[in-house]
């Protein structure tokens, strides 16, 4: 469910947990728009917290426009306008993220050259202190920021395009225009919390949950040509997977259904 452009996580770990759990239940339809949330006392019992903690969580949900609190009538879930959550199939995540660049917009926040961070250099197989171009962008859907992208490209490759090019052209296209033959990539997905700078760029509170994607792209010689660190708002981006039950007798098991890759030009 899409909320307002900025979330207001309440102070205190317990209140934040109640806030996030209630927001998730509203998002998955447990509490649809127009329905009433349980009363404060009932919520306190459900989550094993005090009513003061519940009240902090509900106040934050109200401040974010997710619920309406009315004296005498309880807490009502509000219908949400704006962009729907972006969904991607986990089994074909790479091509779907590539295609995503065609239906979203990006804003360049910073552009610089310098030594690659140790973790980036190691992942890409670069020499220590190798220079890279570092670019930070925010990608939005319907004018709502949903991903924070940091890319690292070896200086020899990045010298073939300008800051203006990167602000208007998908990075994969710039790499290929520079003569790079992209051959393979490895990516991993985990979870993290929003740091102050990322929170500001994405319009969320510090400490908000984010999906974290790391990807290393290699050319036909196996050399690292791009390192991507992408952070996605958990309320505006989700991963899905379809499974089939296959096999016979004692060998039956779940197997992912591979979604055909969309025929789109490459982007990040």
Protein backbone atom coordinates (compact mmCIF):
# COMPACT_ATOMS: atom_id res chain seq x y z
CA UNK A 1 0.00 0.00 0.00
CA UNK A 2 1.37 3.40 -0.88
CA UNK A 3 1.38 5.86 1.98
CA UNK A 4 2.32 9.49 2.07
CA UNK A 5 5.66 10.74 0.71
CA UNK A 6 7.26 10.58 4.14
CA UNK A 7 6.75 8.06 6.92
CA UNK A 8 6.80 9.07 10.57
CA UNK A 9 8.21 6.17 12.57
CA UNK A 10 7.37 6.70 16.24
CA UNK A 11 10.05 6.92 18.93
CA UNK A 12 10.83 3.68 20.74
CA UNK A 13 11.44 0.19 19.41
CA UNK A 14 8.13 -1.26 20.62
CA UNK A 15 6.06 1.55 19.12
CA UNK A 16 7.93 1.18 15.81
CA UNK A 17 7.24 -2.56 15.81
CA UNK A 18 3.51 -1.97 16.34
CA UNK A 19 3.50 0.74 13.64
CA UNK A 20 5.22 -1.51 11.08
CA UNK A 21 3.07 -4.55 11.87
CA UNK A 22 -0.16 -2.57 11.58
CA UNK A 23 1.04 -0.94 8.35
CA UNK A 24 1.82 -4.37 6.91
CA UNK A 25 -1.61 -5.68 7.91
CA UNK A 26 -3.26 -2.72 6.20
CA UNK A 27 -1.11 -3.29 3.13
CA UNK A 28 -1.97 -7.01 2.83
CA UNK A 29 -5.68 -6.44 3.26
CA UNK A 30 -6.11 -7.68 6.81
CA UNK A 31 -7.47 -4.21 7.57
CA UNK A 32 -8.81 -2.84 4.24
CA UNK A 33 -9.70 0.83 3.63
CA UNK A 34 -12.77 1.85 5.60
CA UNK A 35 -12.36 -0.83 8.25
CA UNK A 36 -11.78 -0.14 11.94
CA UNK A 37 -8.61 -1.15 13.76
CA UNK A 38 -9.09 -2.85 17.12
CA UNK A 39 -9.24 -0.52 20.11
CA UNK A 40 -6.14 0.58 21.98
CA UNK A 41 -6.63 -1.91 24.81
CA UNK A 42 -7.13 -4.81 22.39
CA UNK A 43 -4.07 -3.82 20.37
CA UNK A 44 -2.02 -3.56 23.56
CA UNK A 45 -3.02 -7.13 24.42
CA UNK A 46 -2.37 -8.39 20.86
CA UNK A 47 1.15 -6.96 20.74
CA UNK A 48 1.97 -7.36 24.46
CA UNK A 49 2.75 -3.66 24.91
CA UNK A 50 1.31 -0.77 26.89
CA UNK A 51 -1.53 1.45 25.68
CA UNK A 52 0.92 4.36 25.61
CA UNK A 53 3.03 2.42 23.09
CA UNK A 54 -0.04 1.65 20.99
CA UNK A 55 -1.09 5.29 21.08
CA UNK A 56 2.33 6.38 19.77
CA UNK A 57 2.07 3.92 16.89
CA UNK A 58 -1.47 5.03 16.02
CA UNK A 59 -0.48 8.71 16.19
CA UNK A 60 2.32 8.01 13.67
CA UNK A 61 -0.06 6.14 11.36
CA UNK A 62 -2.46 9.07 11.61
CA UNK A 63 0.33 11.55 10.84
CA UNK A 64 1.19 9.54 7.72
CA UNK A 65 -2.39 9.66 6.51
CA UNK A 66 -2.82 5.89 6.80
CA UNK A 67 -5.59 6.03 9.40
CA UNK A 68 -8.08 8.54 10.74
CA UNK A 69 -8.50 8.72 14.50
CA UNK A 70 -11.87 10.05 15.59
CA UNK A 71 -13.05 10.45 19.16
CA UNK A 72 -15.93 8.12 19.83
CA UNK A 73 -15.63 6.20 16.54
CA UNK A 74 -12.18 4.61 16.82
CA UNK A 75 -9.41 4.34 14.25
CA UNK A 76 -10.43 3.93 10.59
CA UNK A 77 -8.10 2.79 7.80
CA UNK A 78 -7.89 5.38 5.03
CA UNK A 79 -7.86 4.64 1.31
CA UNK A 80 -4.52 5.55 -0.27
CA UNK A 81 -4.03 7.48 -3.48
CA UNK A 82 -0.92 7.70 -5.63
CA UNK A 83 1.52 5.13 -6.99
CA UNK A 84 0.96 1.45 -6.37
CA UNK A 85 3.82 -0.66 -5.08
CA UNK A 86 6.30 -1.78 -7.72
CA UNK A 87 6.46 -5.58 -7.93
CA UNK A 88 9.19 -7.81 -9.37
CA UNK A 89 9.36 -11.58 -9.80
CA UNK A 90 12.32 -12.92 -7.84
CA UNK A 91 13.11 -15.58 -10.46
CA UNK A 92 13.59 -12.95 -13.17
CA UNK A 93 14.62 -10.00 -11.02
CA UNK A 94 17.46 -8.83 -13.26
CA UNK A 95 15.43 -8.30 -16.47
CA UNK A 96 12.53 -6.80 -14.54
CA UNK A 97 14.82 -4.28 -12.84
CA UNK A 98 16.25 -3.56 -16.26
CA UNK A 99 12.76 -2.94 -17.69
CA UNK A 100 11.84 -0.81 -14.67
CA UNK A 101 14.07 1.93 -15.99
CA UNK A 102 11.70 2.43 -18.90
CA UNK A 103 8.65 3.24 -16.76
CA UNK A 104 10.31 5.26 -13.98
CA UNK A 105 12.34 8.46 -13.77
CA UNK A 106 15.75 9.05 -12.16
CA UNK A 107 17.25 12.12 -10.48
CA UNK A 108 21.03 12.44 -10.19
CA UNK A 109 22.08 13.44 -6.67
CA UNK A 110 25.87 13.29 -6.94
CA UNK A 111 28.63 12.49 -9.43
CA UNK A 112 32.33 12.19 -8.60
CA UNK A 113 35.61 10.34 -9.18
CA UNK A 114 37.83 8.81 -6.52
CA UNK A 115 39.30 5.63 -5.07
CA UNK A 116 36.91 2.67 -4.95
CA UNK A 117 35.79 1.59 -1.46
CA UNK A 118 37.56 -1.61 -0.41
CA UNK A 119 34.40 -3.73 -0.61
CA UNK A 120 33.66 -2.45 -4.12
CA UNK A 121 37.22 -2.99 -5.34
CA UNK A 122 37.26 -6.54 -3.99
CA UNK A 123 33.87 -7.41 -5.48
CA UNK A 124 34.84 -6.05 -8.91
CA UNK A 125 38.38 -7.45 -8.88
CA UNK A 126 40.00 -4.01 -9.09
CA UNK A 127 43.47 -3.05 -7.93
CA UNK A 128 43.68 -1.37 -4.50
CA UNK A 129 43.01 2.38 -4.76
CA UNK A 130 41.69 1.96 -8.32
CA UNK A 131 39.70 5.04 -9.33
CA UNK A 132 36.01 4.77 -10.11
CA UNK A 133 33.17 7.05 -11.00
CA UNK A 134 30.57 7.13 -8.23
CA UNK A 135 27.03 8.27 -9.00
CA UNK A 136 24.04 8.45 -6.67
CA UNK A 137 20.51 8.60 -8.07
CA UNK A 138 16.95 8.35 -6.82
CA UNK A 139 14.43 6.57 -9.03
CA UNK A 140 10.76 7.53 -8.77
CA UNK A 141 7.45 6.17 -10.00
CA UNK A 142 4.66 8.72 -10.52
CA UNK A 143 6.86 11.34 -8.81
CA UNK A 144 7.27 9.21 -5.67
CA UNK A 145 10.83 8.11 -4.80
CA UNK A 146 11.12 4.36 -4.28
CA UNK A 147 14.78 3.45 -4.86
CA UNK A 148 18.19 4.92 -3.98
CA UNK A 149 20.92 3.80 -6.41
CA UNK A 150 24.68 4.08 -5.97
CA UNK A 151 26.83 2.90 -8.89
CA UNK A 152 30.58 2.50 -9.23
CA UNK A 153 32.20 2.27 -12.70
CA UNK A 154 35.96 2.05 -13.45
CA UNK A 155 37.30 5.46 -14.47
CA UNK A 156 38.61 4.22 -17.86
CA UNK A 157 35.07 3.23 -18.84
CA UNK A 158 33.23 6.13 -17.22
CA UNK A 159 35.44 8.65 -19.05
CA UNK A 160 33.44 7.83 -22.20
CA UNK A 161 30.30 9.60 -20.95
CA UNK A 162 29.45 12.74 -19.04
CA UNK A 163 27.47 13.64 -15.95
CA UNK A 164 24.73 14.97 -18.24
CA UNK A 165 24.64 11.62 -20.09
CA UNK A 166 24.19 9.74 -16.83
CA UNK A 167 21.37 12.03 -15.76
CA UNK A 168 19.36 11.23 -18.88
CA UNK A 169 20.51 7.83 -20.23
CA UNK A 170 20.34 4.33 -18.65
CA UNK A 171 23.75 3.23 -17.38
CA UNK A 172 23.75 -0.08 -19.26
CA UNK A 173 23.28 1.81 -22.51
CA UNK A 174 26.21 4.08 -21.63
CA UNK A 175 28.42 1.09 -20.83
CA UNK A 176 27.62 -0.58 -24.14
CA UNK A 177 28.11 2.72 -25.99
CA UNK A 178 31.56 2.81 -24.39
CA UNK A 179 32.40 -0.54 -26.01
CA UNK A 180 31.76 -2.75 -22.98
CA UNK A 181 30.45 -6.23 -23.80
CA UNK A 182 28.32 -7.06 -20.76
CA UNK A 183 28.43 -10.80 -20.20
CA UNK A 184 27.22 -11.69 -16.70
CA UNK A 185 26.08 -10.34 -13.34
CA UNK A 186 25.68 -11.58 -9.80
CA UNK A 187 23.22 -10.01 -7.39
CA UNK A 188 22.01 -10.59 -3.86
CA UNK A 189 19.03 -9.25 -1.92
CA UNK A 190 18.90 -8.58 1.82
CA UNK A 191 17.32 -6.12 4.25
CA UNK A 192 18.65 -2.98 5.91
CA UNK A 193 17.55 0.23 7.63
CA UNK A 194 17.51 3.73 6.16
CA UNK A 195 20.48 5.93 7.07
CA UNK A 196 19.88 9.69 7.45
CA UNK A 197 20.95 10.60 3.90
CA UNK A 198 19.00 7.77 2.28
CA UNK A 199 15.95 8.49 4.44
CA UNK A 200 15.97 12.12 3.28
CA UNK A 201 16.26 11.14 -0.39
CA UNK A 202 13.50 8.52 -0.22
CA UNK A 203 11.13 10.50 1.98
CA UNK A 204 11.11 8.05 4.89
CA UNK A 205 12.15 8.21 8.51
CA UNK A 206 15.65 7.25 9.64
CA UNK A 207 15.61 3.56 10.50
CA UNK A 208 12.79 2.67 8.11
CA UNK A 209 13.08 -0.87 6.64
CA UNK A 210 14.54 -1.09 3.13
CA UNK A 211 15.26 -3.87 0.68
CA UNK A 212 18.95 -3.91 -0.24
CA UNK A 213 20.19 -5.21 -3.61
CA UNK A 214 23.87 -5.53 -4.52
CA UNK A 215 24.91 -6.35 -8.10
CA UNK A 216 28.28 -6.80 -9.80
CA UNK A 217 28.26 -6.68 -13.61
CA UNK A 218 31.14 -8.26 -15.58
CA UNK A 219 32.25 -8.06 -19.20
CA UNK A 220 33.18 -10.90 -21.56
CA UNK A 221 36.68 -11.03 -19.99
CA UNK A 222 35.25 -11.43 -16.50
CA UNK A 223 36.28 -7.93 -15.43
CA UNK A 224 33.97 -5.95 -13.16
CA UNK A 225 32.45 -3.02 -15.06
CA UNK A 226 29.75 -1.89 -12.62
CA UNK A 227 28.92 -2.27 -8.95
CA UNK A 228 25.37 -1.32 -7.95
CA UNK A 229 24.11 -0.78 -4.42
CA UNK A 230 20.33 -0.28 -4.60
CA UNK A 231 17.97 0.43 -1.71
CA UNK A 232 14.20 0.11 -2.14
CA UNK A 233 11.36 1.38 0.04
CA UNK A 234 9.70 -1.67 1.55
CA UNK A 235 6.27 -0.06 1.27
CA UNK A 236 6.66 0.69 -2.45
CA UNK A 237 8.61 -2.31 -3.74
CA UNK A 238 8.02 -6.04 -3.27
CA UNK A 239 9.45 -9.31 -4.55
CA UNK A 240 7.14 -12.09 -5.67
CA UNK A 241 7.64 -15.70 -6.76
CA UNK A 242 5.33 -18.26 -8.39
CA UNK A 243 5.96 -21.94 -7.55
CA UNK A 244 4.79 -25.18 -9.13
CA UNK A 245 4.59 -28.53 -7.37
CA UNK A 246 6.55 -30.96 -9.57
CA UNK A 247 8.02 -34.48 -9.49
CA UNK A 248 6.46 -37.78 -8.56
CA UNK A 249 5.96 -39.90 -5.46
CA UNK A 250 8.59 -39.12 -2.81
CA UNK A 251 10.41 -36.73 -5.13
CA UNK A 252 7.69 -34.07 -5.31
CA UNK A 253 9.00 -30.60 -4.56
CA UNK A 254 8.41 -26.91 -5.19
CA UNK A 255 10.05 -25.38 -8.25
CA UNK A 256 10.01 -21.70 -9.25
CA UNK A 257 8.28 -20.69 -12.46
CA UNK A 258 10.69 -18.66 -14.58
CA UNK A 259 9.01 -15.55 -15.93
CA UNK A 260 10.01 -14.64 -19.52
CA UNK A 261 12.30 -11.64 -19.63
CA UNK A 262 10.54 -8.49 -20.91
CA UNK A 263 11.91 -7.18 -24.18
CA UNK A 264 13.08 -3.79 -23.00
CA UNK A 265 16.23 -1.74 -23.38
CA UNK A 266 18.59 -2.04 -20.46
CA UNK A 267 18.58 0.27 -17.46
CA UNK A 268 19.22 -0.08 -13.79
